[in-house]
Amino acid sequence: MTRKTVRGVLKTWKEDRGFGFIKPDDGGKDIFIHISALDSRSRRPIADDIIYYQVAKDHRGKYKAINASIEGVELTTSNTENTATPVKKLGWIALITSLLIIAAAVAWYYTQQPV
């Protein structure tokens, strides 16, 4: 089931607690929003931001914003193409360490040979 996206203004935001309330453009009661409802953004929300969101009920039956975004604020992106996973990094470290050990062993062997 696809939810309708709603627009509203962030009426209040409690930065220290990570939540606030949205005043829906179509009127009605204010909607609770938690920081976890927002996609990764380049900045935190502030009062008077335009918020696009969907509405859902929480476990107590109260309405809250989900899948929210701030108008005009870009998603933060990470360059995942050039980011090696920890396993890949460990593999490279092991390979380089092995090559250094082999080079040291070869150098030691040739220094031990009589001229």
C-alpha atoms as a PDB file:
ATOM      1  CA  MET A   1       0.000   0.000   0.000  1.00  0.00           C
ATOM      2  CA  THR A   2       1.447   3.360  -1.055  1.00  0.00           C
ATOM      3  CA  ARG A   3       1.040   6.189   1.423  1.00  0.00           C
ATOM      4  CA  LYS A   4       0.180   9.729   0.394  1.00  0.00           C
ATOM      5  CA  THR A   5       3.006  12.267   0.783  1.00  0.00           C
ATOM      6  CA  VAL A   6       1.958  15.296   2.813  1.00  0.00           C
ATOM      7  CA  ARG A   7       3.548  18.743   3.090  1.00  0.00           C
ATOM      8  CA  GLY A   8       3.840  20.768   6.273  1.00  0.00           C
ATOM      9  CA  VAL A   9       5.933  23.259   8.215  1.00  0.00           C
ATOM     10  CA  LEU A  10       8.168  22.184  11.071  1.00  0.00           C
ATOM     11  CA  LYS A  11       6.542  24.133  13.880  1.00  0.00           C
ATOM     12  CA  THR A  12       8.929  23.130  16.681  1.00  0.00           C
ATOM     13  CA  TRP A  13      12.186  21.188  16.870  1.00  0.00           C
ATOM     14  CA  LYS A  14      13.933  20.027  20.032  1.00  0.00           C
ATOM     15  CA  GLU A  15      17.501  19.437  18.860  1.00  0.00           C
ATOM     16  CA  ASP A  16      18.634  17.972  22.186  1.00  0.00           C
ATOM     17  CA  ARG A  17      15.870  15.357  22.034  1.00  0.00           C
ATOM     18  CA  GLY A  18      15.767  14.772  18.265  1.00  0.00           C
ATOM     19  CA  PHE A  19      12.090  15.390  17.654  1.00  0.00           C
ATOM     20  CA  GLY A  20       9.540  18.064  16.839  1.00  0.00           C
ATOM     21  CA  PHE A  21       6.069  18.719  15.475  1.00  0.00           C
ATOM     22  CA  ILE A  22       4.873  19.478  11.954  1.00  0.00           C
ATOM     23  CA  LYS A  23       1.894  21.707  11.189  1.00  0.00           C
ATOM     24  CA  PRO A  24       0.229  20.074   8.148  1.00  0.00           C
ATOM     25  CA  ASP A  25      -0.571  22.419   5.258  1.00  0.00           C
ATOM     26  CA  ASP A  26      -4.073  20.973   5.040  1.00  0.00           C
ATOM     27  CA  GLY A  27      -4.796  21.826   8.681  1.00  0.00           C
ATOM     28  CA  GLY A  28      -5.523  19.275  11.339  1.00  0.00           C
ATOM     29  CA  LYS A  29      -3.541  18.266  14.382  1.00  0.00           C
ATOM     30  CA  ASP A  30       0.230  18.650  14.547  1.00  0.00           C
ATOM     31  CA  ILE A  31       2.198  15.545  13.589  1.00  0.00           C
ATOM     32  CA  PHE A  32       5.077  14.196  15.665  1.00  0.00           C
ATOM     33  CA  ILE A  33       8.385  13.720  13.814  1.00  0.00           C
ATOM     34  CA  HIS A  34      11.502  11.974  15.098  1.00  0.00           C
ATOM     35  CA  ILE A  35      14.959  12.466  13.585  1.00  0.00           C
ATOM     36  CA  SER A  36      14.921   8.817  12.480  1.00  0.00           C
ATOM     37  CA  ALA A  37      12.040   9.619  10.097  1.00  0.00           C
ATOM     38  CA  LEU A  38      14.309  11.868   8.027  1.00  0.00           C
ATOM     39  CA  ASP A  39      16.582  10.535   5.294  1.00  0.00           C
ATOM     40  CA  SER A  40      20.297  11.254   5.591  1.00  0.00           C
ATOM     41  CA  ARG A  41      20.458  14.987   5.089  1.00  0.00           C
ATOM     42  CA  SER A  42      23.308  17.441   4.875  1.00  0.00           C
ATOM     43  CA  ARG A  43      21.916  19.302   7.913  1.00  0.00           C
ATOM     44  CA  ARG A  44      19.570  18.794  10.835  1.00  0.00           C
ATOM     45  CA  PRO A  45      16.011  20.171  10.652  1.00  0.00           C
ATOM     46  CA  ILE A  46      15.188  23.585  12.072  1.00  0.00           C
ATOM     47  CA  ALA A  47      11.883  25.298  12.874  1.00  0.00           C
ATOM     48  CA  ASP A  48      10.041  26.638   9.806  1.00  0.00           C
ATOM     49  CA  ASP A  49      11.548  24.025   7.449  1.00  0.00           C
ATOM     50  CA  ILE A  50       9.120  22.681   4.846  1.00  0.00           C
ATOM     51  CA  ILE A  51       8.806  18.935   5.455  1.00  0.00           C
ATOM     52  CA  TYR A  52       7.433  16.313   3.064  1.00  0.00           C
ATOM     53  CA  TYR A  53       6.356  13.175   4.885  1.00  0.00           C
ATOM     54  CA  GLN A  54       3.972  10.267   5.101  1.00  0.00           C
ATOM     55  CA  VAL A  55       1.754   9.556   8.089  1.00  0.00           C
ATOM     56  CA  ALA A  56       1.645   6.334  10.082  1.00  0.00           C
ATOM     57  CA  LYS A  57       0.398   5.238  13.493  1.00  0.00           C
ATOM     58  CA  ASP A  58       2.873   4.323  16.206  1.00  0.00           C
ATOM     59  CA  HIS A  59       2.439   1.358  18.573  1.00  0.00           C
ATOM     60  CA  ARG A  60       0.157   3.475  20.797  1.00  0.00           C
ATOM     61  CA  GLY A  61      -2.122   4.488  17.933  1.00  0.00           C
ATOM     62  CA  LYS A  62      -0.788   8.056  17.693  1.00  0.00           C
ATOM     63  CA  TYR A  63       0.084   9.594  14.340  1.00  0.00           C
ATOM     64  CA  LYS A  64       3.694  10.283  13.391  1.00  0.00           C
ATOM     65  CA  ALA A  65       5.671  11.317  10.331  1.00  0.00           C
ATOM     66  CA  ILE A  66       7.679   8.688   8.451  1.00  0.00           C
ATOM     67  CA  ASN A  67       9.771   8.741   5.246  1.00  0.00           C
ATOM     68  CA  ALA A  68      10.314  12.478   5.687  1.00  0.00           C
ATOM     69  CA  SER A  69      12.520  14.917   3.799  1.00  0.00           C
ATOM     70  CA  ILE A  70      13.344  18.600   4.135  1.00  0.00           C
ATOM     71  CA  GLU A  71      12.520  20.780   1.129  1.00  0.00           C
ATOM     72  CA  GLY A  72      15.661  22.106  -0.553  1.00  0.00           C
ATOM     73  CA  VAL A  73      18.081  20.026   1.518  1.00  0.00           C
ATOM     74  CA  GLU A  74      20.057  17.486  -0.461  1.00  0.00           C
ATOM     75  CA  LEU A  75      20.658  13.931   0.619  1.00  0.00           C
ATOM     76  CA  THR A  76      24.147  13.296   1.852  1.00  0.00           C
ATOM     77  CA  THR A  77      25.900  10.763  -0.318  1.00  0.00           C
ATOM     78  CA  SER A  78      28.932   8.701   0.375  1.00  0.00           C
ATOM     79  CA  ASN A  79      31.242   7.529  -2.335  1.00  0.00           C
ATOM     80  CA  THR A  80      30.563   3.824  -1.979  1.00  0.00           C
ATOM     81  CA  GLU A  81      32.381   2.910  -5.208  1.00  0.00           C
ATOM     82  CA  ASN A  82      35.807   3.741  -3.758  1.00  0.00           C
ATOM     83  CA  THR A  83      35.133   2.635  -0.211  1.00  0.00           C
ATOM     84  CA  ALA A  84      36.719  -0.697   0.586  1.00  0.00           C
ATOM     85  CA  THR A  85      35.028  -2.935   3.104  1.00  0.00           C
ATOM     86  CA  PRO A  86      37.035  -3.862   6.213  1.00  0.00           C
ATOM     87  CA  VAL A  87      37.531  -7.393   4.834  1.00  0.00           C
ATOM     88  CA  LYS A  88      39.022  -6.027   1.601  1.00  0.00           C
ATOM     89  CA  LYS A  89      41.271  -3.678   3.567  1.00  0.00           C
ATOM     90  CA  LEU A  90      42.517  -6.566   5.696  1.00  0.00           C
ATOM     91  CA  GLY A  91      43.205  -8.563   2.546  1.00  0.00           C
ATOM     92  CA  TRP A  92      45.383  -5.776   1.134  1.00  0.00           C
ATOM     93  CA  ILE A  93      47.211  -5.382   4.440  1.00  0.00           C
ATOM     94  CA  ALA A  94      47.913  -9.125   4.549  1.00  0.00           C
ATOM     95  CA  LEU A  95      49.167  -9.109   0.949  1.00  0.00           C
ATOM     96  CA  ILE A  96      51.501  -6.145   1.483  1.00  0.00           C
ATOM     97  CA  THR A  97      52.792  -7.598   4.747  1.00  0.00           C
ATOM     98  CA  SER A  98      53.487 -10.938   3.042  1.00  0.00           C
ATOM     99  CA  LEU A  99      55.378  -9.243   0.219  1.00  0.00           C
ATOM    100  CA  LEU A 100      57.488  -7.272   2.691  1.00  0.00           C
ATOM    101  CA  ILE A 101      58.354 -10.445   4.614  1.00  0.00           C
ATOM    102  CA  ILE A 102      59.347 -12.218   1.390  1.00  0.00           C
ATOM    103  CA  ALA A 103      61.477  -9.244   0.304  1.00  0.00           C
ATOM    104  CA  ALA A 104      63.185  -9.169   3.716  1.00  0.00           C
ATOM    105  CA  ALA A 105      63.858 -12.936   3.559  1.00  0.00           C
ATOM    106  CA  VAL A 106      65.338 -12.671   0.040  1.00  0.00           C
ATOM    107  CA  ALA A 107      67.524  -9.732   1.105  1.00  0.00           C
ATOM    108  CA  TRP A 108      68.740 -11.632   4.180  1.00  0.00           C
ATOM    109  CA  TYR A 109      69.477 -14.748   2.068  1.00  0.00           C
ATOM    110  CA  TYR A 110      71.648 -12.830  -0.397  1.00  0.00           C
ATOM    111  CA  THR A 111      73.548 -11.020   2.369  1.00  0.00           C
ATOM    112  CA  GLN A 112      74.487 -14.408   3.891  1.00  0.00           C
ATOM    113  CA  GLN A 113      76.090 -15.778   0.682  1.00  0.00           C
ATOM    114  CA  PRO A 114      79.897 -15.626   0.436  1.00  0.00           C
ATOM    115  CA  VAL A 115      81.244 -13.429  -2.286  1.00  0.00           C
END
